[in-house]
């Protein structure tokens, strides 16, 4: 019922979006403000990144004095609600951050400008970005956003706990066997310390295991779930072993204390977490941490997901908005973004300032992870089966059902969702 309601709401929003866009806005010549400048707005959700976005916008305006850019911040928990309302009302920001998970909904409502013709006309080089990020911001071969950044996941570890247990720090030679063995040695039940944190979290933990084991989420044609494949089942089973063996808190424990709280309080030796956690982990007094590549089975696999800059389909300033997006997606702006340390820039060759921002850890690990990163879990049907996946993983990781039985049932549920969408 929960998923069905989600789908109904998505369909309802798409209809409203189409109706709203049909009667509002104009895609004609750029409109000037009272100051005589073309005025555009950039909408975003992360306060930590606002200073960098403002600095990038100022650099753009210096090169383009006839265009004024206003940076508008809306907190994450309000951002998508506000964007949907703006889309149906025909008053979206000219340029805004777009997530691969949300892009399908806005594409269905024709709210996003198709950038293919502009990319071709200006010979804008899309090969400067990781291919999976470019593809994640496409719908029906339409490029609906230019990549902004890239987020990857790695293995964070507490150096002090490793030193105390006499365990060597993780490196790129670690395998699943090394990982499990280290978790055993690092677990100290008397001290209340766990060797590893294994939550039922897709993007931070489970998805990465699936990719590491050489599996994926769907067949190449996207018509069949691979959750029931032997490699996927093996990956999920491996994740649950940390809990079964007592090396990780239980799902019930995680309902009271989050993985971050365990790790930041020194009660866990290892956790898989993203590049977005650098500033938080490194700000904790007394927390001596390092970061290493994800352990491998078939590969080091990790999720690789980034945001993009989209343009409203009915912006009154399409030329100015595109000129701005070209700049924001270019080398100079990406260098500014990297220097802020708030995100790993997507543009090739601009990541070093990000690495330099965090001298106490090997932040290059997150940059290199893009080479074996995946984002194939981002599919149009995801919103319709995500709650099914979350519920099943709770059952599997809490031991109520085996990984084989749970994953097989989940594949069937997802396949039914796909079949009903035809």
Protein backbone atom coordinates (compact mmCIF):
# COMPACT_ATOMS: atom_id res chain seq x y z
CA UNK A 1 0.00 0.00 0.00
CA UNK A 2 2.82 2.36 0.87
CA UNK A 3 4.46 1.88 -2.54
CA UNK A 4 1.16 2.13 -4.35
CA UNK A 5 0.46 5.47 -2.68
CA UNK A 6 3.93 6.67 -3.64
CA UNK A 7 3.29 5.78 -7.25
CA UNK A 8 -0.16 7.41 -7.27
CA UNK A 9 1.33 10.61 -5.82
CA UNK A 10 4.09 10.56 -8.42
CA UNK A 11 1.54 10.19 -11.23
CA UNK A 12 -0.63 12.92 -9.73
CA UNK A 13 2.35 15.27 -9.47
CA UNK A 14 3.37 14.50 -13.07
CA UNK A 15 -0.12 15.45 -14.30
CA UNK A 16 -0.09 18.66 -12.27
CA UNK A 17 3.38 19.41 -13.53
CA UNK A 18 2.37 19.03 -17.14
CA UNK A 19 -0.74 21.19 -16.69
CA UNK A 20 1.17 23.85 -14.78
CA UNK A 21 3.98 24.03 -17.31
CA UNK A 22 1.59 24.19 -20.23
CA UNK A 23 0.16 27.48 -19.07
CA UNK A 24 3.20 29.21 -17.66
CA UNK A 25 6.52 30.63 -18.64
CA UNK A 26 8.26 31.30 -21.89
CA UNK A 27 11.27 29.81 -23.60
CA UNK A 28 11.86 32.75 -25.87
CA UNK A 29 14.52 35.45 -25.68
CA UNK A 30 16.14 36.17 -22.35
CA UNK A 31 14.32 38.67 -20.17
CA UNK A 32 16.29 41.48 -18.50
CA UNK A 33 15.75 42.78 -14.96
CA UNK A 34 15.15 46.44 -14.11
CA UNK A 35 18.93 46.86 -13.86
CA UNK A 36 19.26 45.96 -17.52
CA UNK A 37 20.97 42.66 -16.69
CA UNK A 38 19.72 39.18 -17.41
CA UNK A 39 18.85 37.85 -13.98
CA UNK A 40 18.81 34.15 -13.09
CA UNK A 41 18.48 32.14 -9.89
CA UNK A 42 20.43 29.07 -8.77
CA UNK A 43 18.54 26.87 -6.26
CA UNK A 44 20.39 24.46 -3.96
CA UNK A 45 19.87 22.61 -0.67
CA UNK A 46 23.22 22.33 1.14
CA UNK A 47 24.22 25.23 3.42
CA UNK A 48 27.76 23.86 3.63
CA UNK A 49 28.15 24.30 -0.12
CA UNK A 50 26.48 27.68 -0.42
CA UNK A 51 29.73 29.68 0.08
CA UNK A 52 31.41 27.77 -2.75
CA UNK A 53 28.36 28.18 -5.01
CA UNK A 54 28.38 31.93 -4.30
CA UNK A 55 32.10 32.16 -5.05
CA UNK A 56 31.61 30.28 -8.32
CA UNK A 57 28.67 32.52 -9.23
CA UNK A 58 30.69 35.66 -8.52
CA UNK A 59 33.50 34.39 -10.76
CA UNK A 60 30.95 33.78 -13.51
CA UNK A 61 29.43 37.26 -13.12
CA UNK A 62 32.89 38.82 -13.33
CA UNK A 63 33.31 37.21 -16.73
CA UNK A 64 29.69 37.95 -17.69
CA UNK A 65 28.79 41.36 -16.20
CA UNK A 66 25.50 41.44 -18.11
CA UNK A 67 24.15 38.46 -16.12
CA UNK A 68 23.19 38.56 -12.44
CA UNK A 69 23.00 35.30 -10.48
CA UNK A 70 21.03 34.95 -7.25
CA UNK A 71 21.89 31.93 -5.09
CA UNK A 72 18.84 30.59 -3.25
CA UNK A 73 19.20 28.08 -0.39
CA UNK A 74 16.36 25.78 0.67
CA UNK A 75 17.09 23.06 3.27
CA UNK A 76 16.97 19.46 2.02
CA UNK A 77 13.78 18.58 3.94
CA UNK A 78 11.94 21.39 2.12
CA UNK A 79 13.81 21.51 -1.19
CA UNK A 80 11.86 18.98 -3.25
CA UNK A 81 8.47 20.09 -1.92
CA UNK A 82 9.30 23.66 -2.86
CA UNK A 83 10.66 22.63 -6.27
CA UNK A 84 7.52 20.62 -7.04
CA UNK A 85 5.31 23.52 -6.04
CA UNK A 86 7.38 25.87 -8.18
CA UNK A 87 7.16 23.49 -11.13
CA UNK A 88 3.38 23.21 -10.97
CA UNK A 89 3.13 26.97 -10.49
CA UNK A 90 5.45 27.74 -13.38
CA UNK A 91 7.96 29.72 -11.32
CA UNK A 92 10.92 27.36 -10.94
CA UNK A 93 14.42 28.72 -10.42
CA UNK A 94 16.23 29.06 -13.74
CA UNK A 95 18.98 26.64 -12.64
CA UNK A 96 18.78 24.14 -9.79
CA UNK A 97 20.50 21.13 -8.31
CA UNK A 98 19.04 17.86 -9.55
CA UNK A 99 19.39 14.39 -8.07
CA UNK A 100 19.48 11.23 -10.24
CA UNK A 101 16.79 9.78 -7.96
CA UNK A 102 14.42 12.68 -8.69
CA UNK A 103 15.19 13.29 -12.33
CA UNK A 104 12.67 10.77 -13.68
CA UNK A 105 9.72 12.51 -12.00
CA UNK A 106 10.65 15.92 -13.39
CA UNK A 107 11.38 14.43 -16.82
CA UNK A 108 7.89 12.93 -16.93
CA UNK A 109 6.44 16.34 -16.21
CA UNK A 110 8.61 18.00 -18.90
CA UNK A 111 9.97 20.38 -16.28
CA UNK A 112 13.61 20.09 -17.36
CA UNK A 113 15.23 21.60 -20.43
CA UNK A 114 16.68 19.05 -22.85
CA UNK A 115 20.32 20.10 -23.17
CA UNK A 116 21.27 17.89 -26.13
CA UNK A 117 21.01 20.61 -28.79
CA UNK A 118 22.91 23.15 -26.68
CA UNK A 119 25.66 20.64 -25.91
CA UNK A 120 26.01 19.85 -29.59
CA UNK A 121 25.87 23.47 -30.76
CA UNK A 122 28.52 24.65 -28.30
CA UNK A 123 30.58 21.46 -28.53
CA UNK A 124 30.39 21.12 -24.77
CA UNK A 125 32.68 18.21 -23.86
CA UNK A 126 30.73 15.63 -21.86
CA UNK A 127 33.69 13.23 -21.85
CA UNK A 128 35.20 15.34 -19.06
CA UNK A 129 32.81 13.62 -16.63
CA UNK A 130 32.53 9.99 -15.48
CA UNK A 131 30.28 8.17 -17.93
CA UNK A 132 28.05 6.72 -15.22
CA UNK A 133 27.34 10.23 -13.86
CA UNK A 134 26.46 11.51 -17.33
CA UNK A 135 24.13 8.57 -17.91
CA UNK A 136 22.50 8.95 -14.48
CA UNK A 137 21.37 12.44 -15.51
CA UNK A 138 19.80 11.27 -18.77
CA UNK A 139 16.24 10.17 -19.42
CA UNK A 140 15.30 8.68 -22.80
CA UNK A 141 18.69 9.80 -24.17
CA UNK A 142 17.96 13.41 -23.20
CA UNK A 143 20.72 15.06 -21.16
CA UNK A 144 18.71 16.85 -18.48
CA UNK A 145 21.55 18.00 -16.25
CA UNK A 146 25.29 18.65 -16.35
CA UNK A 147 27.26 16.72 -13.69
CA UNK A 148 28.23 18.80 -10.66
CA UNK A 149 30.02 16.41 -8.33
CA UNK A 150 30.70 12.80 -7.54
CA UNK A 151 30.13 10.96 -4.25
CA UNK A 152 31.74 7.61 -3.52
CA UNK A 153 31.98 5.27 -0.54
CA UNK A 154 35.11 3.93 1.18
CA UNK A 155 36.11 2.08 4.34
CA UNK A 156 36.66 4.41 7.29
CA UNK A 157 38.60 3.05 10.25
CA UNK A 158 39.57 4.09 13.77
CA UNK A 159 43.37 4.05 13.94
CA UNK A 160 43.51 3.91 17.73
CA UNK A 161 41.33 0.80 17.88
CA UNK A 162 43.41 -0.86 15.15
CA UNK A 163 46.61 -0.05 17.02
CA UNK A 164 45.21 -1.38 20.30
CA UNK A 165 44.17 -4.66 18.66
CA UNK A 166 47.45 -4.96 16.76
CA UNK A 167 45.68 -5.09 13.40
CA UNK A 168 47.28 -3.58 10.29
CA UNK A 169 45.39 -0.69 8.70
CA UNK A 170 43.20 -1.50 5.68
CA UNK A 171 44.67 -1.01 2.20
CA UNK A 172 43.80 -1.84 -1.42
CA UNK A 173 44.82 -5.51 -0.94
CA UNK A 174 41.99 -6.21 1.49
CA UNK A 175 39.48 -8.87 0.45
CA UNK A 176 36.20 -9.93 2.02
CA UNK A 177 38.10 -12.56 4.01
CA UNK A 178 40.58 -9.96 5.33
CA UNK A 179 37.69 -7.69 6.23
CA UNK A 180 35.77 -10.30 8.20
CA UNK A 181 38.91 -11.52 9.97
CA UNK A 182 39.82 -7.96 10.99
CA UNK A 183 36.29 -7.34 12.29
CA UNK A 184 36.67 -10.41 14.51
CA UNK A 185 40.00 -9.24 15.96
CA UNK A 186 38.76 -5.69 16.50
CA UNK A 187 35.59 -6.65 18.34
CA UNK A 188 35.98 -6.17 22.09
CA UNK A 189 32.73 -7.06 23.81
CA UNK A 190 34.00 -6.17 27.28
CA UNK A 191 34.78 -2.64 26.10
CA UNK A 192 31.59 -2.44 24.06
CA UNK A 193 33.54 -2.03 20.84
CA UNK A 194 32.40 -3.54 17.54
CA UNK A 195 34.78 -4.42 14.74
CA UNK A 196 32.45 -3.35 11.93
CA UNK A 197 29.14 -1.55 11.43
CA UNK A 198 26.77 -3.46 9.12
CA UNK A 199 23.47 -1.55 8.88
CA UNK A 200 20.63 -2.43 6.54
CA UNK A 201 21.52 0.62 4.46
CA UNK A 202 21.58 0.34 0.70
CA UNK A 203 23.81 3.16 -0.49
CA UNK A 204 26.23 3.12 2.45
CA UNK A 205 26.65 -0.65 2.72
CA UNK A 206 24.57 -3.25 0.86
CA UNK A 207 24.74 -1.83 -2.68
CA UNK A 208 28.52 -1.66 -2.45
CA UNK A 209 28.71 -5.35 -1.52
CA UNK A 210 26.58 -6.25 -4.53
CA UNK A 211 28.91 -4.37 -6.87
CA UNK A 212 31.99 -5.81 -5.16
CA UNK A 213 30.74 -9.32 -5.87
CA UNK A 214 30.43 -8.59 -9.59
CA UNK A 215 26.65 -8.40 -9.59
CA UNK A 216 24.18 -5.67 -10.48
CA UNK A 217 20.57 -4.69 -9.90
CA UNK A 218 19.02 -5.43 -13.28
CA UNK A 219 19.67 -7.30 -16.49
CA UNK A 220 21.16 -5.15 -19.26
CA UNK A 221 17.73 -4.51 -20.80
CA UNK A 222 16.46 -3.34 -17.40
CA UNK A 223 13.51 -5.71 -17.51
CA UNK A 224 14.46 -8.14 -14.75
CA UNK A 225 15.75 -7.73 -11.22
CA UNK A 226 18.98 -9.49 -10.31
CA UNK A 227 18.25 -9.60 -6.59
CA UNK A 228 17.67 -13.35 -6.94
CA UNK A 229 21.02 -13.98 -8.66
CA UNK A 230 23.53 -16.13 -6.73
CA UNK A 231 26.10 -13.32 -6.59
CA UNK A 232 23.63 -10.80 -5.18
CA UNK A 233 22.36 -13.27 -2.60
CA UNK A 234 25.96 -14.07 -1.61
CA UNK A 235 26.73 -10.36 -1.20
CA UNK A 236 23.73 -9.72 1.04
CA UNK A 237 24.49 -12.86 3.05
CA UNK A 238 28.05 -11.66 3.55
CA UNK A 239 26.78 -8.36 4.95
CA UNK A 240 24.59 -10.13 7.50
CA UNK A 241 27.52 -12.26 8.72
CA UNK A 242 29.00 -9.29 10.60
CA UNK A 243 25.85 -9.18 12.73
CA UNK A 244 25.42 -12.94 13.07
CA UNK A 245 28.98 -13.31 14.36
CA UNK A 246 28.60 -10.45 16.82
CA UNK A 247 31.08 -8.17 15.08
CA UNK A 248 28.41 -5.52 14.40
CA UNK A 249 25.50 -4.10 16.39
CA UNK A 250 22.10 -5.60 15.56
CA UNK A 251 19.36 -3.87 13.59
CA UNK A 252 17.58 -3.27 16.90
CA UNK A 253 20.73 -1.58 18.22
CA UNK A 254 20.88 0.66 15.16
CA UNK A 255 17.32 1.82 15.83
CA UNK A 256 18.64 3.43 19.03
CA UNK A 257 22.16 4.41 17.99
CA UNK A 258 23.07 5.33 14.42
CA UNK A 259 26.20 4.00 12.70
CA UNK A 260 27.70 7.49 12.77
CA UNK A 261 27.11 7.74 16.52
CA UNK A 262 28.84 4.39 17.09
CA UNK A 263 31.82 5.38 14.97
CA UNK A 264 32.18 8.93 16.24
CA UNK A 265 32.06 7.79 19.88
CA UNK A 266 34.88 5.30 19.31
CA UNK A 267 32.64 2.26 19.75
CA UNK A 268 33.25 0.84 16.27
CA UNK A 269 36.50 0.20 14.44
CA UNK A 270 35.17 0.31 10.86
CA UNK A 271 32.28 1.75 8.88
CA UNK A 272 31.58 2.18 5.19
CA UNK A 273 30.67 5.81 4.59
CA UNK A 274 30.77 8.39 1.86
CA UNK A 275 33.04 11.22 0.83
CA UNK A 276 30.41 13.60 2.20
CA UNK A 277 31.38 12.55 5.76
CA UNK A 278 34.92 13.94 5.67
CA UNK A 279 34.22 17.22 7.45
CA UNK A 280 32.01 15.63 10.10
CA UNK A 281 34.31 12.76 11.06
CA UNK A 282 37.42 14.93 11.04
CA UNK A 283 35.78 17.52 13.29
CA UNK A 284 35.29 15.07 16.18
CA UNK A 285 37.82 15.74 18.95
CA UNK A 286 39.89 12.67 19.75
CA UNK A 287 38.67 10.64 16.78
CA UNK A 288 41.79 9.41 14.97
CA UNK A 289 40.60 8.04 11.64
CA UNK A 290 41.81 6.89 8.27
CA UNK A 291 40.14 5.87 5.04
CA UNK A 292 40.90 3.02 2.63
CA UNK A 293 39.46 1.58 -0.60
CA UNK A 294 36.50 -0.73 -0.23
CA UNK A 295 37.58 -4.36 0.26
CA UNK A 296 37.03 -6.49 -2.81
CA UNK A 297 35.61 -9.80 -3.90
CA UNK A 298 35.47 -9.58 -7.68
CA UNK A 299 36.28 -5.85 -7.50
CA UNK A 300 36.44 -2.90 -5.09
CA UNK A 301 32.95 -1.81 -6.23
CA UNK A 302 31.24 1.22 -4.73
CA UNK A 303 28.28 3.39 -5.54
CA UNK A 304 29.17 6.51 -7.47
CA UNK A 305 26.43 9.09 -7.43
CA UNK A 306 26.51 12.80 -8.05
CA UNK A 307 24.27 15.78 -8.46
CA UNK A 308 23.78 17.88 -11.56
CA UNK A 309 22.75 21.35 -12.70
CA UNK A 310 19.38 21.37 -14.47
CA UNK A 311 17.65 24.23 -16.27
CA UNK A 312 13.92 24.85 -16.02
CA UNK A 313 12.22 24.00 -19.30
CA UNK A 314 10.28 27.26 -19.21
CA UNK A 315 12.97 29.59 -17.93
CA UNK A 316 12.63 33.12 -19.23
CA UNK A 317 16.39 33.29 -19.58
CA UNK A 318 17.44 30.11 -21.40
CA UNK A 319 20.60 31.53 -22.97
CA UNK A 320 21.87 33.08 -19.74
CA UNK A 321 20.96 29.94 -17.80
CA UNK A 322 22.85 27.70 -20.26
CA UNK A 323 25.87 30.01 -20.24
CA UNK A 324 25.87 29.82 -16.45
CA UNK A 325 25.54 26.02 -16.41
CA UNK A 326 28.40 25.72 -18.89
CA UNK A 327 30.57 27.75 -16.53
CA UNK A 328 29.47 25.87 -13.40
CA UNK A 329 30.21 22.60 -15.14
CA UNK A 330 33.60 23.79 -16.43
CA UNK A 331 37.14 23.51 -15.13
CA UNK A 332 37.47 26.89 -13.37
CA UNK A 333 34.27 26.54 -11.36
CA UNK A 334 35.01 22.92 -10.47
CA UNK A 335 38.42 23.93 -9.10
CA UNK A 336 36.70 26.46 -6.83
CA UNK A 337 34.27 23.77 -5.68
CA UNK A 338 37.09 21.31 -4.96
CA UNK A 339 39.02 23.86 -2.91
CA UNK A 340 35.99 24.23 -0.63
CA UNK A 341 36.19 20.52 0.25
CA UNK A 342 32.40 20.28 0.25
CA UNK A 343 32.24 17.91 -2.70
CA UNK A 344 34.39 16.00 -5.18
CA UNK A 345 34.11 17.88 -8.45
CA UNK A 346 32.93 15.79 -11.37
CA UNK A 347 35.06 17.51 -14.02
CA UNK A 348 38.17 15.51 -14.91
CA UNK A 349 41.43 16.84 -13.46
CA UNK A 350 39.92 19.18 -10.86
CA UNK A 351 39.92 16.88 -7.82
CA UNK A 352 43.38 17.61 -6.34
CA UNK A 353 42.28 20.66 -4.29
CA UNK A 354 39.64 18.43 -2.66
CA UNK A 355 42.32 15.90 -1.73
CA UNK A 356 44.59 18.66 -0.38
CA UNK A 357 41.77 19.95 1.80
CA UNK A 358 41.99 16.84 4.01
CA UNK A 359 45.71 16.22 4.68
CA UNK A 360 45.15 13.88 7.64
CA UNK A 361 43.43 11.20 5.52
CA UNK A 362 44.03 9.72 2.09
CA UNK A 363 41.12 11.51 0.41
CA UNK A 364 42.47 10.35 -2.96
CA UNK A 365 40.71 7.08 -2.15
CA UNK A 366 37.35 8.71 -2.82
CA UNK A 367 38.54 10.19 -6.11
CA UNK A 368 40.00 6.89 -7.32
CA UNK A 369 36.79 5.06 -6.37
CA UNK A 370 35.09 6.68 -9.37
CA UNK A 371 37.06 4.25 -11.55
CA UNK A 372 35.08 1.33 -10.15
CA UNK A 373 31.96 3.27 -9.23
CA UNK A 374 28.42 2.33 -10.25
CA UNK A 375 25.06 4.09 -10.32
CA UNK A 376 22.94 1.48 -12.11
CA UNK A 377 20.57 1.27 -9.13
CA UNK A 378 19.18 4.65 -10.25
CA UNK A 379 16.30 3.55 -12.49
CA UNK A 380 12.85 5.03 -13.28
CA UNK A 381 11.04 2.37 -11.24
CA UNK A 382 13.18 2.88 -8.12
CA UNK A 383 10.60 5.02 -6.30
CA UNK A 384 8.05 2.23 -6.71
CA UNK A 385 10.13 -0.55 -5.17
CA UNK A 386 12.41 1.29 -2.74
CA UNK A 387 10.14 0.78 0.27
CA UNK A 388 9.86 -2.93 -0.62
CA UNK A 389 13.64 -3.18 -0.62
CA UNK A 390 13.96 -1.33 2.69
CA UNK A 391 11.36 -3.56 4.38
CA UNK A 392 12.95 -6.76 3.06
CA UNK A 393 16.45 -5.75 4.13
CA UNK A 394 15.18 -5.11 7.66
CA UNK A 395 13.78 -8.65 7.70
CA UNK A 396 17.00 -10.14 6.30
CA UNK A 397 19.45 -8.22 8.49
CA UNK A 398 17.38 -8.86 11.62
CA UNK A 399 17.49 -12.59 10.91
CA UNK A 400 13.75 -13.00 10.37
CA UNK A 401 14.34 -14.42 6.91
CA UNK A 402 17.36 -15.84 5.07
CA UNK A 403 19.20 -13.79 2.46
CA UNK A 404 18.30 -16.33 -0.23
CA UNK A 405 14.59 -16.38 0.57
CA UNK A 406 14.37 -12.63 1.12
CA UNK A 407 16.30 -11.65 -2.01
CA UNK A 408 14.30 -14.12 -4.13
CA UNK A 409 11.02 -12.68 -2.88
CA UNK A 410 12.28 -9.12 -3.37
CA UNK A 411 13.22 -9.86 -6.98
CA UNK A 412 9.70 -11.14 -7.59
CA UNK A 413 8.19 -7.99 -6.06
CA UNK A 414 10.39 -5.72 -8.16
CA UNK A 415 9.67 -7.68 -11.34
CA UNK A 416 5.94 -7.31 -10.65
CA UNK A 417 6.41 -3.55 -10.33
CA UNK A 418 8.23 -3.42 -13.67
CA UNK A 419 5.61 -5.60 -15.36
CA UNK A 420 2.77 -3.39 -14.11
CA UNK A 421 4.45 -0.30 -15.56
CA UNK A 422 4.28 -1.61 -19.12
